[in-house]
Amino acid sequence: MIRHVKTARLHQGSQTAPEVTTAVEALLAQVAEGGDRAIRDLSIRFDGLDRDSYRLTDAEIRNCVDGLTRQDRIDLDFAQDQVRNFAQAQRDTMLDLEVETLPGVVLGHRNVPIANVGCYVPGGKYPLLASAHMTVLTAKVAGCKRVITCAPPFKGQIAEKIVAAQHLAGADEIYVLGGVQAIAAMGNGTETIDPVDMLAGPGNAYVAEAKRLLFGKVGIDLFAGPTETLVIADETVDGEICATDLLGQAEHGTNSPAVMITNSEKLAKDTLSEIDRLLDILPTAAIARQAWEDFGEIILCDTREEMVAEADRIASEHVQVMTADPDYFLNNMTNYGALFLGARTNVAFGDKVIGTNHTLPTLKAARYTGGLWVGKFLKTCTYQRILTDEASALIGAYGSRLCHMEGFVGHAEQANIRVRRFGGRNVPYGAAAAPQ
């Protein structure tokens, strides 16, 4: 039986607030009409930053990199190496294909990098430099030729560590732009910014809505909502580690759900006590407390099967599994953004350093998609080749009859002319030869 030890006051809605959509539509239109002038006006208005050009110069970028301490650089290089290595391993699994499906009929596909990619790195509340690794670096491993980046200023100044991370990840152009104006500049282009073909990277509700409204004109990585975390735990761990993992993600924002599923009532109660204790000392407690009070849940189950069913129903972005047999959940769960198996790992490792990508599906999108990975920056494009006259006539005969079934006479004649040219005998219009 499934019951709640703690129930959420609120639940995430999948619909964007109408006032957000209205505001974003107006801002996108302003940039589409005003170009660079609009970008400057909006940057002054929202970020308090006035510049003639929002593209950083080589000297500004170099200053940001040189401003890193020795340990900063070591840590950034380590994190980027992990992301690069895993992305490259993923890329190596994506093979081009060519196969002769019938004698003389060759079909294939090529994995083609998207030419122009725009990456957004959030930085208003926290300077999330890890997003530079996850987007820019992954796109570069995929082989994208031009990767540009936007990040807002932090406290009115260039976010130096974000810029350094963007540059070290391989960004070709770096802009100090935030919010909807950044998405609009990359998606629509301006007089000085060439538009991109795809947008990637997380952001607030306004950034997410801007990406949604531009989808179709450009590709996007994911429709992203607030960060979510799910802890699945049993008596093999204690309340302190469960509470730490829940609140460690709840600090993202006051609307970030943090949910726990357990088959131990004692662990559930211990976790609640530890959450109360940690909220008295956590520096980000004001945010985490609100998130926990409004969106936090603890769900008690009797069996592992119930735990899996509840986890798949929730379809969380991050799932931390701390049980006696975490592989049971790896082998049986189907709806999740990323799994973190065992108490030795955690979501923060995935967010910052271990190498898997932290841009993941939210708002139950894990039911139908995984997260950002090197494959998102590639287009799998097919091709076909016919090597012999006999093969062309054979496919043409079948193709003609199938086209006539649908009433596409012009399509059928494309097949018929091949039968007549390559089949070795005259075949009247609309009456392709039967296959031999």
Protein backbone atom coordinates (compact mmCIF):
# COMPACT_ATOMS: atom_id res chain seq x y z
CA MET A 1 0.00 0.00 0.00
CA ILE A 2 1.23 3.48 -0.89
CA ARG A 3 0.77 6.32 1.60
CA HIS A 4 2.25 9.76 2.21
CA VAL A 5 4.31 10.67 5.25
CA LYS A 6 4.51 14.20 3.85
CA THR A 7 2.32 15.58 1.08
CA ALA A 8 3.17 18.51 -1.17
CA ARG A 9 1.08 21.65 -0.77
CA LEU A 10 1.47 22.49 -4.44
CA HIS A 11 2.08 20.59 -7.67
CA GLN A 12 3.96 21.70 -10.74
CA GLY A 13 1.75 22.66 -13.65
CA SER A 14 2.83 21.82 -17.19
CA GLN A 15 1.35 25.01 -18.65
CA THR A 16 3.26 28.28 -18.78
CA ALA A 17 1.54 31.14 -16.99
CA PRO A 18 -0.29 33.31 -19.55
CA GLU A 19 1.40 36.46 -18.30
CA VAL A 20 4.82 34.89 -18.95
CA THR A 21 3.87 33.99 -22.51
CA THR A 22 2.52 37.49 -23.15
CA ALA A 23 5.65 39.14 -21.79
CA VAL A 24 7.99 36.88 -23.76
CA GLU A 25 6.06 37.36 -27.00
CA ALA A 26 6.41 41.12 -26.61
CA LEU A 27 10.13 40.89 -25.91
CA LEU A 28 10.75 38.59 -28.88
CA ALA A 29 8.85 40.97 -31.13
CA GLN A 30 10.86 43.91 -29.77
CA VAL A 31 14.14 42.20 -30.66
CA ALA A 32 12.88 41.02 -34.05
CA GLU A 33 11.97 44.60 -34.91
CA GLY A 34 14.74 46.51 -33.15
CA GLY A 35 17.75 44.21 -33.50
CA ASP A 36 20.91 45.40 -31.76
CA ARG A 37 19.22 48.53 -30.43
CA ALA A 38 16.54 46.44 -28.73
CA ILE A 39 19.16 44.09 -27.30
CA ARG A 40 20.93 47.05 -25.72
CA ASP A 41 17.72 48.54 -24.34
CA LEU A 42 16.70 45.24 -22.77
CA SER A 43 20.14 44.58 -21.34
CA ILE A 44 20.13 47.97 -19.65
CA ARG A 45 16.58 47.40 -18.40
CA PHE A 46 16.98 43.85 -17.06
CA ASP A 47 20.70 43.43 -16.38
CA GLY A 48 21.86 46.98 -15.79
CA LEU A 49 24.64 46.55 -18.35
CA ASP A 50 25.25 49.10 -21.10
CA ARG A 51 27.79 48.27 -23.81
CA ASP A 52 28.28 49.19 -27.45
CA SER A 53 28.76 45.50 -28.23
CA TYR A 54 27.71 42.62 -26.02
CA ARG A 55 30.17 40.27 -27.67
CA LEU A 56 33.23 39.93 -25.47
CA THR A 57 36.57 40.80 -27.01
CA ASP A 58 39.53 38.43 -27.04
CA ALA A 59 41.17 40.60 -24.39
CA GLU A 60 38.12 40.45 -22.11
CA ILE A 61 37.96 36.68 -22.47
CA ARG A 62 41.66 36.32 -21.76
CA ASN A 63 41.28 38.46 -18.62
CA CYS A 64 38.55 36.12 -17.40
CA VAL A 65 40.71 33.04 -17.96
CA ASP A 66 43.76 34.69 -16.40
CA GLY A 67 41.64 35.67 -13.39
CA LEU A 68 41.17 32.03 -12.41
CA THR A 69 43.22 30.84 -9.50
CA ARG A 70 45.47 27.87 -10.11
CA GLN A 71 43.02 25.62 -8.24
CA ASP A 72 40.05 27.08 -10.17
CA ARG A 73 41.76 26.14 -13.43
CA ILE A 74 42.66 22.66 -12.23
CA ASP A 75 39.07 22.05 -11.13
CA LEU A 76 37.55 23.44 -14.35
CA ASP A 77 39.90 21.39 -16.49
CA PHE A 78 39.06 18.25 -14.50
CA ALA A 79 35.30 18.76 -14.86
CA GLN A 80 35.56 19.52 -18.56
CA ASP A 81 37.75 16.47 -19.13
CA GLN A 82 35.08 14.26 -17.57
CA VAL A 83 32.29 15.77 -19.67
CA ARG A 84 34.41 15.64 -22.84
CA ASN A 85 35.47 12.03 -22.29
CA PHE A 86 31.93 10.78 -21.74
CA ALA A 87 30.55 12.81 -24.66
CA GLN A 88 33.28 11.42 -26.92
CA ALA A 89 32.49 7.88 -25.78
CA GLN A 90 28.84 8.51 -26.62
CA ARG A 91 29.79 9.97 -30.01
CA ASP A 92 31.86 6.90 -30.77
CA THR A 93 28.74 4.72 -30.45
CA MET A 94 26.97 6.69 -33.18
CA LEU A 95 28.16 5.03 -36.35
CA ASP A 96 27.39 5.93 -39.92
CA LEU A 97 25.60 3.14 -41.74
CA GLU A 98 25.58 1.75 -45.27
CA VAL A 99 23.88 -1.54 -46.15
CA GLU A 100 22.88 -3.33 -49.37
CA THR A 101 19.27 -4.24 -48.57
CA LEU A 102 18.63 -5.90 -51.96
CA PRO A 103 21.08 -6.73 -54.75
CA GLY A 104 22.06 -3.35 -56.17
CA VAL A 105 20.07 -1.29 -53.60
CA VAL A 106 22.22 0.59 -51.11
CA LEU A 107 20.76 2.53 -48.16
CA GLY A 108 22.63 4.45 -45.53
CA HIS A 109 22.71 7.23 -43.00
CA ARG A 110 25.25 9.79 -41.85
CA ASN A 111 25.37 11.53 -38.49
CA VAL A 112 25.78 15.18 -39.47
CA PRO A 113 26.61 17.87 -36.86
CA ILE A 114 24.27 20.86 -36.60
CA ALA A 115 26.21 23.76 -38.08
CA ASN A 116 25.27 26.65 -35.75
CA VAL A 117 24.39 26.21 -32.08
CA GLY A 118 23.54 28.79 -29.45
CA CYS A 119 24.10 27.88 -25.80
CA TYR A 120 22.54 29.71 -22.86
CA VAL A 121 24.31 29.57 -19.48
CA PRO A 122 22.17 30.85 -16.56
CA GLY A 123 23.83 33.19 -14.12
CA GLY A 124 21.33 35.52 -12.54
CA LYS A 125 20.86 33.80 -9.15
CA TYR A 126 23.91 31.51 -9.24
CA PRO A 127 26.72 31.63 -11.83
CA LEU A 128 26.07 28.16 -13.26
CA LEU A 129 29.34 27.73 -15.10
CA ALA A 130 28.79 23.95 -15.28
CA SER A 131 26.18 24.60 -17.96
CA ALA A 132 29.00 25.75 -20.22
CA HIS A 133 30.57 22.29 -20.06
CA MET A 134 27.27 20.56 -20.67
CA THR A 135 26.25 22.58 -23.73
CA VAL A 136 29.27 24.13 -25.44
CA LEU A 137 31.67 21.27 -24.90
CA THR A 138 29.14 18.61 -25.87
CA ALA A 139 28.29 20.48 -29.08
CA LYS A 140 31.97 20.75 -29.92
CA VAL A 141 32.50 17.02 -29.39
CA ALA A 142 29.59 16.47 -31.78
CA GLY A 143 31.48 18.49 -34.38
CA CYS A 144 29.34 21.63 -34.54
CA LYS A 145 31.30 24.28 -36.46
CA ARG A 146 29.98 27.42 -34.76
CA VAL A 147 28.95 27.40 -31.12
CA ILE A 148 28.04 30.74 -29.56
CA THR A 149 27.17 31.40 -25.95
CA CYS A 150 25.21 33.88 -23.88
CA ALA A 151 25.32 34.34 -20.12
CA PRO A 152 23.95 37.28 -18.13
CA PRO A 153 26.19 39.50 -16.05
CA PHE A 154 26.46 38.52 -12.39
CA LYS A 155 25.73 41.39 -10.02
CA GLY A 156 26.17 43.87 -12.86
CA GLN A 157 29.57 42.58 -13.98
CA ILE A 158 30.80 40.08 -16.54
CA ALA A 159 30.49 36.63 -14.95
CA GLU A 160 34.20 35.89 -15.23
CA LYS A 161 34.19 32.22 -14.26
CA ILE A 162 31.31 31.48 -16.65
CA VAL A 163 33.20 33.23 -19.45
CA ALA A 164 36.34 31.27 -18.65
CA ALA A 165 34.36 28.01 -18.70
CA GLN A 166 32.72 28.94 -22.00
CA HIS A 167 36.07 29.72 -23.58
CA LEU A 168 37.81 26.61 -22.29
CA ALA A 169 34.88 24.53 -23.55
CA GLY A 170 35.48 25.87 -27.06
CA ALA A 171 32.91 28.64 -27.59
CA ASP A 172 33.47 30.54 -30.84
CA GLU A 173 31.63 33.70 -29.78
CA ILE A 174 30.82 34.77 -26.22
CA TYR A 175 28.15 37.35 -25.38
CA VAL A 176 27.32 38.90 -22.03
CA LEU A 177 23.57 38.71 -22.51
CA GLY A 178 20.86 37.27 -20.31
CA GLY A 179 17.19 36.38 -20.39
CA VAL A 180 14.81 36.56 -23.31
CA GLN A 181 17.01 39.04 -25.14
CA ALA A 182 19.81 36.47 -25.26
CA ILE A 183 17.52 33.76 -26.64
CA ALA A 184 16.04 36.20 -29.15
CA ALA A 185 19.46 37.38 -30.29
CA MET A 186 20.67 33.85 -30.91
CA GLY A 187 17.41 32.51 -32.36
CA ASN A 188 16.45 35.45 -34.58
CA GLY A 189 19.83 37.07 -35.10
CA THR A 190 20.52 40.80 -35.23
CA GLU A 191 22.61 43.11 -37.40
CA THR A 192 25.77 41.86 -35.67
CA ILE A 193 24.80 38.37 -34.45
CA ASP A 194 24.21 35.64 -37.01
CA PRO A 195 21.28 33.40 -36.04
CA VAL A 196 21.79 29.82 -34.92
CA ASP A 197 20.07 26.59 -35.97
CA MET A 198 19.59 25.19 -32.48
CA LEU A 199 19.29 26.55 -28.93
CA ALA A 200 20.48 24.64 -25.88
CA GLY A 201 20.82 25.23 -22.16
CA PRO A 202 18.61 25.71 -19.10
CA GLY A 203 17.10 28.95 -17.82
CA ASN A 204 14.23 30.49 -15.89
CA ALA A 205 10.58 30.42 -16.95
CA TYR A 206 11.06 33.34 -19.34
CA VAL A 207 14.06 31.75 -21.03
CA ALA A 208 12.22 28.43 -21.32
CA GLU A 209 9.18 30.14 -22.83
CA ALA A 210 11.35 32.04 -25.32
CA LYS A 211 12.85 28.74 -26.46
CA ARG A 212 9.39 27.20 -26.75
CA LEU A 213 8.09 30.08 -28.87
CA LEU A 214 11.11 29.92 -31.17
CA PHE A 215 10.92 26.14 -31.55
CA GLY A 216 10.35 25.31 -35.19
CA LYS A 217 12.27 28.30 -36.42
CA VAL A 218 15.20 26.75 -34.58
CA GLY A 219 15.68 23.43 -32.85
CA ILE A 220 15.90 23.23 -29.07
CA ASP A 221 17.36 20.70 -26.68
CA LEU A 222 14.50 20.35 -24.17
CA PHE A 223 11.46 22.09 -22.75
CA ALA A 224 12.85 22.62 -19.26
CA GLY A 225 11.08 23.45 -16.02
CA PRO A 226 12.27 23.81 -12.41
CA THR A 227 14.87 21.37 -11.14
CA GLU A 228 13.43 18.14 -9.70
CA THR A 229 14.95 15.47 -7.49
CA LEU A 230 13.71 12.10 -6.30
CA VAL A 231 15.42 10.04 -3.59
CA ILE A 232 14.66 6.32 -3.45
CA ALA A 233 16.03 4.85 -0.24
CA ASP A 234 15.74 1.95 2.19
CA GLU A 235 17.15 1.11 5.62
CA THR A 236 20.69 0.75 4.22
CA VAL A 237 21.12 4.54 4.54
CA ASP A 238 20.21 7.09 7.19
CA GLY A 239 18.07 10.19 7.42
CA GLU A 240 20.99 12.63 7.29
CA ILE A 241 22.16 11.58 3.84
CA CYS A 242 18.58 11.50 2.50
CA ALA A 243 17.82 14.96 3.89
CA THR A 244 21.08 16.33 2.51
CA ASP A 245 20.34 15.04 -0.98
CA LEU A 246 16.79 16.40 -0.91
CA LEU A 247 17.70 19.89 0.33
CA GLY A 248 20.81 20.03 -1.82
CA GLN A 249 18.55 20.20 -4.86
CA ALA A 250 15.69 22.13 -3.27
CA GLU A 251 18.04 25.12 -2.98
CA HIS A 252 17.79 25.57 -6.77
CA GLY A 253 14.53 27.46 -6.37
CA THR A 254 11.37 27.79 -4.33
CA ASN A 255 9.49 25.81 -6.98
CA SER A 256 11.89 22.84 -7.11
CA PRO A 257 10.20 19.56 -6.12
CA ALA A 258 12.14 17.24 -3.79
CA VAL A 259 10.50 13.85 -3.27
CA MET A 260 11.48 10.74 -1.34
CA ILE A 261 10.22 7.19 -1.84
CA THR A 262 11.05 4.63 0.83
CA ASN A 263 9.86 1.32 2.24
CA SER A 264 11.07 2.25 5.74
CA GLU A 265 8.79 4.29 7.98
CA LYS A 266 11.68 4.82 10.40
CA LEU A 267 13.85 6.27 7.61
CA ALA A 268 10.99 8.52 6.53
CA LYS A 269 10.62 9.96 10.04
CA ASP A 270 14.37 10.27 10.55
CA THR A 271 14.65 12.15 7.25
CA LEU A 272 11.95 14.60 8.31
CA SER A 273 13.83 15.28 11.55
CA GLU A 274 17.11 15.78 9.70
CA ILE A 275 15.46 18.17 7.25
CA ASP A 276 14.28 20.31 10.16
CA ARG A 277 17.80 20.29 11.62
CA LEU A 278 19.54 21.14 8.35
CA LEU A 279 17.13 23.95 7.54
CA ASP A 280 18.33 25.72 10.68
CA ILE A 281 21.94 25.80 9.44
CA LEU A 282 21.82 25.65 5.63
CA PRO A 283 22.90 29.02 4.12
CA THR A 284 20.32 28.62 1.34
CA ALA A 285 17.57 27.58 3.77
CA ALA A 286 15.21 30.41 2.79
CA ILE A 287 14.89 28.93 -0.69
CA ALA A 288 15.14 25.27 0.27
CA ARG A 289 12.58 25.58 3.07
CA GLN A 290 9.96 27.10 0.79
CA ALA A 291 10.59 24.45 -1.86
CA TRP A 292 10.33 21.68 0.71
CA GLU A 293 7.20 23.04 2.35
CA ASP A 294 5.39 23.59 -0.95
CA PHE A 295 6.67 20.77 -3.16
CA GLY A 296 8.37 18.27 -0.83
CA GLU A 297 6.94 14.77 -0.45
CA ILE A 298 7.79 11.55 1.35
CA ILE A 299 6.01 8.47 -0.01
CA LEU A 300 5.98 5.20 1.89
CA CYS A 301 5.69 1.94 -0.06
CA ASP A 302 5.55 -1.70 0.99
CA THR A 303 7.46 -3.30 -1.90
CA ARG A 304 10.15 -2.55 -4.45
CA GLU A 305 7.55 -2.98 -7.17
CA GLU A 306 5.47 -0.18 -5.64
CA MET A 307 8.57 1.97 -5.36
CA VAL A 308 9.35 1.51 -9.07
CA ALA A 309 5.75 2.23 -10.05
CA GLU A 310 5.70 5.44 -8.00
CA ALA A 311 9.07 6.53 -9.39
CA ASP A 312 7.91 5.97 -12.97
CA ARG A 313 4.71 7.88 -12.25
CA ILE A 314 6.71 10.84 -10.94
CA ALA A 315 9.20 10.65 -13.87
CA SER A 316 11.70 12.87 -12.08
CA GLU A 317 14.61 14.73 -13.64
CA HIS A 318 17.13 13.34 -11.09
CA VAL A 319 16.70 10.02 -9.28
CA GLN A 320 19.06 9.17 -6.42
CA VAL A 321 18.85 5.44 -5.61
CA MET A 322 20.25 4.38 -2.21
CA THR A 323 19.04 0.86 -1.61
CA ALA A 324 20.45 -2.60 -0.99
CA ASP A 325 20.06 -3.39 -4.71
CA PRO A 326 20.20 -0.20 -6.81
CA ASP A 327 20.52 -2.27 -10.00
CA TYR A 328 16.94 -3.42 -9.48
CA PHE A 329 15.84 0.15 -10.17
CA LEU A 330 18.28 0.53 -13.07
CA ASN A 331 16.83 -2.59 -14.68
CA ASN A 332 13.16 -1.88 -13.97
CA MET A 333 12.63 1.89 -14.05
CA THR A 334 11.75 3.50 -17.38
CA ASN A 335 10.90 7.15 -16.63
CA TYR A 336 13.80 9.29 -15.39
CA GLY A 337 16.23 11.90 -16.58
CA ALA A 338 19.33 10.45 -14.90
CA LEU A 339 19.93 7.79 -12.27
CA PHE A 340 22.49 8.13 -9.47
CA LEU A 341 23.07 4.62 -8.19
CA GLY A 342 24.26 4.03 -4.64
CA ALA A 343 25.10 6.30 -1.73
CA ARG A 344 28.61 7.00 -3.05
CA THR A 345 27.30 9.20 -5.84
CA ASN A 346 24.72 11.99 -5.85
CA VAL A 347 22.99 14.54 -8.06
CA ALA A 348 25.55 17.25 -7.35
CA PHE A 349 28.25 15.05 -8.91
CA GLY A 350 26.16 14.87 -12.07
CA ASP A 351 25.38 18.57 -11.99
CA LYS A 352 29.00 19.66 -11.76
CA VAL A 353 31.73 17.18 -12.48
CA ILE A 354 31.27 13.46 -13.03
CA GLY A 355 30.74 13.68 -16.79
CA THR A 356 27.10 12.89 -17.55
CA ASN A 357 25.09 15.81 -18.86
CA HIS A 358 23.04 17.83 -16.36
CA THR A 359 20.52 19.22 -18.86
CA LEU A 360 17.67 16.78 -18.26
CA PRO A 361 13.92 16.43 -18.83
CA THR A 362 11.50 17.90 -16.26
CA LEU A 363 7.73 18.13 -15.84
CA LYS A 364 7.30 14.41 -16.63
CA ALA A 365 9.01 14.76 -20.01
CA ALA A 366 11.19 11.81 -18.94
CA ARG A 367 8.26 9.66 -20.07
CA TYR A 368 9.29 10.30 -23.70
CA THR A 369 12.80 11.75 -23.83
CA GLY A 370 16.20 11.57 -22.26
CA GLY A 371 18.44 14.53 -21.54
CA LEU A 372 20.91 16.54 -23.55
CA TRP A 373 23.75 14.48 -25.00
CA VAL A 374 26.10 14.55 -27.93
CA GLY A 375 23.45 12.95 -30.15
CA LYS A 376 21.16 15.98 -29.75
CA PHE A 377 23.67 18.02 -31.73
CA LEU A 378 23.67 15.55 -34.62
CA LYS A 379 21.20 14.97 -37.43
CA THR A 380 20.90 11.39 -38.64
CA CYS A 381 20.37 11.89 -42.37
CA THR A 382 19.58 9.05 -44.76
CA TYR A 383 20.62 8.45 -48.37
CA GLN A 384 19.99 5.84 -51.04
CA ARG A 385 21.82 4.60 -54.11
CA ILE A 386 20.82 2.07 -56.80
CA LEU A 387 23.72 0.39 -58.51
CA THR A 388 22.11 -1.71 -61.28
CA ASP A 389 19.45 -1.35 -63.95
CA GLU A 390 17.73 -4.48 -62.65
CA ALA A 391 17.41 -3.05 -59.15
CA SER A 392 15.99 0.24 -60.45
CA ALA A 393 13.36 -1.59 -62.51
CA LEU A 394 12.45 -3.88 -59.62
CA ILE A 395 11.96 -1.05 -57.13
CA GLY A 396 10.21 0.98 -59.83
CA ALA A 397 7.63 -1.71 -60.50
CA TYR A 398 6.67 -2.02 -56.85
CA GLY A 399 6.80 1.74 -56.38
CA SER A 400 4.52 2.46 -59.34
CA ARG A 401 1.77 0.15 -58.12
CA LEU A 402 2.03 1.49 -54.57
CA CYS A 403 1.76 5.07 -55.84
CA HIS A 404 -1.38 4.19 -57.81
CA MET A 405 -2.93 2.74 -54.66
CA GLU A 406 -2.68 6.25 -53.19
CA GLY A 407 -3.74 8.07 -56.33
CA PHE A 408 -0.35 9.71 -56.92
CA VAL A 409 -0.07 9.37 -60.68
CA GLY A 410 2.87 11.75 -60.96
CA HIS A 411 4.73 9.81 -58.32
CA ALA A 412 4.01 6.61 -60.22
CA GLU A 413 5.44 8.04 -63.41
CA GLN A 414 8.72 8.78 -61.59
CA ALA A 415 8.87 5.02 -61.03
CA ASN A 416 7.58 4.08 -64.48
CA ILE A 417 10.19 6.07 -66.37
CA ARG A 418 12.91 4.13 -64.54
CA VAL A 419 11.22 0.87 -65.43
CA ARG A 420 11.07 1.93 -69.09
CA ARG A 421 14.65 3.23 -69.14
CA PHE A 422 16.31 0.48 -67.14
CA GLY A 423 13.92 -2.48 -67.40
CA GLY A 424 14.88 -3.47 -70.91
CA ARG A 425 11.37 -3.24 -72.42
CA ASN A 426 8.66 -0.66 -73.00
CA VAL A 427 6.11 -0.30 -70.24
CA PRO A 428 3.06 1.95 -70.90
CA TYR A 429 2.30 4.93 -68.67
CA GLY A 430 0.89 3.82 -65.34
CA ALA A 431 1.47 0.12 -65.90
CA ALA A 432 4.89 -0.75 -64.55
CA ALA A 433 6.18 -4.23 -65.15
CA ALA A 434 5.50 -6.87 -62.58
CA PRO A 435 8.54 -7.93 -60.57
CA GLN A 436 10.45 -10.92 -61.95
